Amino acid sequence: MNLILHALVILAMVPFCIASTSNAIMYRMYITNGIEDNIEVHVFGKDQDYQGQRTLAFNEEFDYKIRVKVGTISRVEISLKFKDVIG
């Protein structure tokens, strides 16, 4: 229950820049573990696995890039797992 009181803080900053290819925008995503327990992060899209599954310790950061063509819809899923604490 104590884990629920500590908010899971994920910082996702999306500064973007124009990519080298025409009609595309490059997004750089950041995930930071803001809780004391380790979390497992798996980021994947429809056609791509962004560097597989990672385990982040407290205050550890993971970043990845996504290229999106202008005028299209992209979907990226982030899967988070952390141990269940009873107490």
Protein backbone atom coordinates (compact mmCIF):
# COMPACT_ATOMS: atom_id res chain seq x y z
CA MET A 1 0.00 0.00 0.00
CA ASN A 2 2.95 2.27 0.66
CA LEU A 3 3.91 1.95 -3.00
CA ILE A 4 0.51 3.33 -4.01
CA LEU A 5 1.11 6.41 -1.85
CA HIS A 6 4.37 7.08 -3.67
CA ALA A 7 3.36 8.36 -7.07
CA LEU A 8 4.90 6.66 -10.06
CA VAL A 9 6.66 9.53 -11.75
CA ILE A 10 7.41 9.15 -15.41
CA LEU A 11 8.74 12.20 -17.09
CA ALA A 12 7.98 12.25 -20.76
CA MET A 13 9.43 15.28 -22.40
CA VAL A 14 8.80 15.52 -26.07
CA PRO A 15 11.07 18.09 -27.60
CA PHE A 16 10.94 17.65 -31.32
CA CYS A 17 13.10 18.62 -34.20
CA ILE A 18 12.76 18.34 -37.91
CA ALA A 19 14.24 15.07 -39.12
CA SER A 20 16.52 14.77 -42.08
CA THR A 21 13.85 13.14 -44.25
CA SER A 22 11.11 15.26 -45.73
CA ASN A 23 7.67 15.28 -44.10
CA ALA A 24 8.89 13.65 -40.89
CA ILE A 25 9.28 14.81 -37.30
CA MET A 26 11.69 13.20 -34.83
CA TYR A 27 10.44 12.85 -31.25
CA ARG A 28 12.81 12.01 -28.41
CA MET A 29 11.05 10.44 -25.42
CA TYR A 30 12.45 10.20 -21.89
CA ILE A 31 11.29 7.82 -19.15
CA THR A 32 12.64 8.37 -15.63
CA ASN A 33 11.96 6.06 -12.68
CA GLY A 34 10.77 8.28 -9.84
CA ILE A 35 9.94 5.53 -7.34
CA GLU A 36 12.37 3.67 -5.10
CA ASP A 37 11.68 0.21 -6.56
CA ASN A 38 13.04 -1.00 -9.88
CA ILE A 39 10.60 -0.97 -12.78
CA GLU A 40 10.67 -2.87 -16.05
CA VAL A 41 10.00 -0.75 -19.12
CA HIS A 42 9.19 -2.09 -22.58
CA VAL A 43 8.52 0.43 -25.34
CA PHE A 44 7.19 -0.82 -28.66
CA GLY A 45 5.21 0.39 -31.63
CA LYS A 46 3.24 -1.25 -34.39
CA ASP A 47 6.27 -2.12 -36.49
CA GLN A 48 9.22 -1.56 -34.16
CA ASP A 49 10.58 -2.61 -30.78
CA TYR A 50 12.45 0.34 -29.25
CA GLN A 51 15.53 -1.31 -27.65
CA GLY A 52 13.61 -4.12 -25.98
CA GLN A 53 12.82 -4.48 -22.29
CA ARG A 54 14.86 -2.47 -19.77
CA THR A 55 14.99 -2.44 -15.97
CA LEU A 56 15.30 1.05 -14.47
CA ALA A 57 16.62 1.66 -10.98
CA PHE A 58 15.59 4.68 -8.89
CA ASN A 59 16.31 7.95 -10.81
CA GLU A 60 17.63 6.03 -13.83
CA GLU A 61 16.60 7.34 -17.24
CA PHE A 62 15.82 5.66 -20.56
CA ASP A 63 15.40 7.55 -23.81
CA TYR A 64 14.50 6.60 -27.36
CA LYS A 65 13.64 8.29 -30.65
CA ILE A 66 10.54 8.01 -32.78
CA ARG A 67 10.24 9.25 -36.38
CA VAL A 68 6.70 10.20 -37.40
CA LYS A 69 5.65 11.20 -40.89
CA VAL A 70 3.52 14.34 -41.03
CA GLY A 71 -0.14 13.53 -41.66
CA THR A 72 -0.01 10.01 -40.22
CA ILE A 73 -1.06 8.56 -36.90
CA SER A 74 1.55 6.66 -34.88
CA ARG A 75 0.99 4.51 -31.83
CA VAL A 76 3.64 3.73 -29.24
CA GLU A 77 2.91 1.57 -26.21
CA ILE A 78 4.84 1.63 -22.95
CA SER A 79 4.55 -1.41 -20.72
CA LEU A 80 5.54 -0.92 -17.05
CA LYS A 81 5.99 -3.69 -14.49
CA PHE A 82 6.95 -3.35 -10.85
CA LYS A 83 6.81 -5.74 -7.97
CA ASP A 84 3.67 -5.87 -5.86
CA VAL A 85 4.45 -4.77 -2.30
CA ILE A 86 2.10 -5.82 0.51
CA GLY A 87 2.57 -4.17 3.84
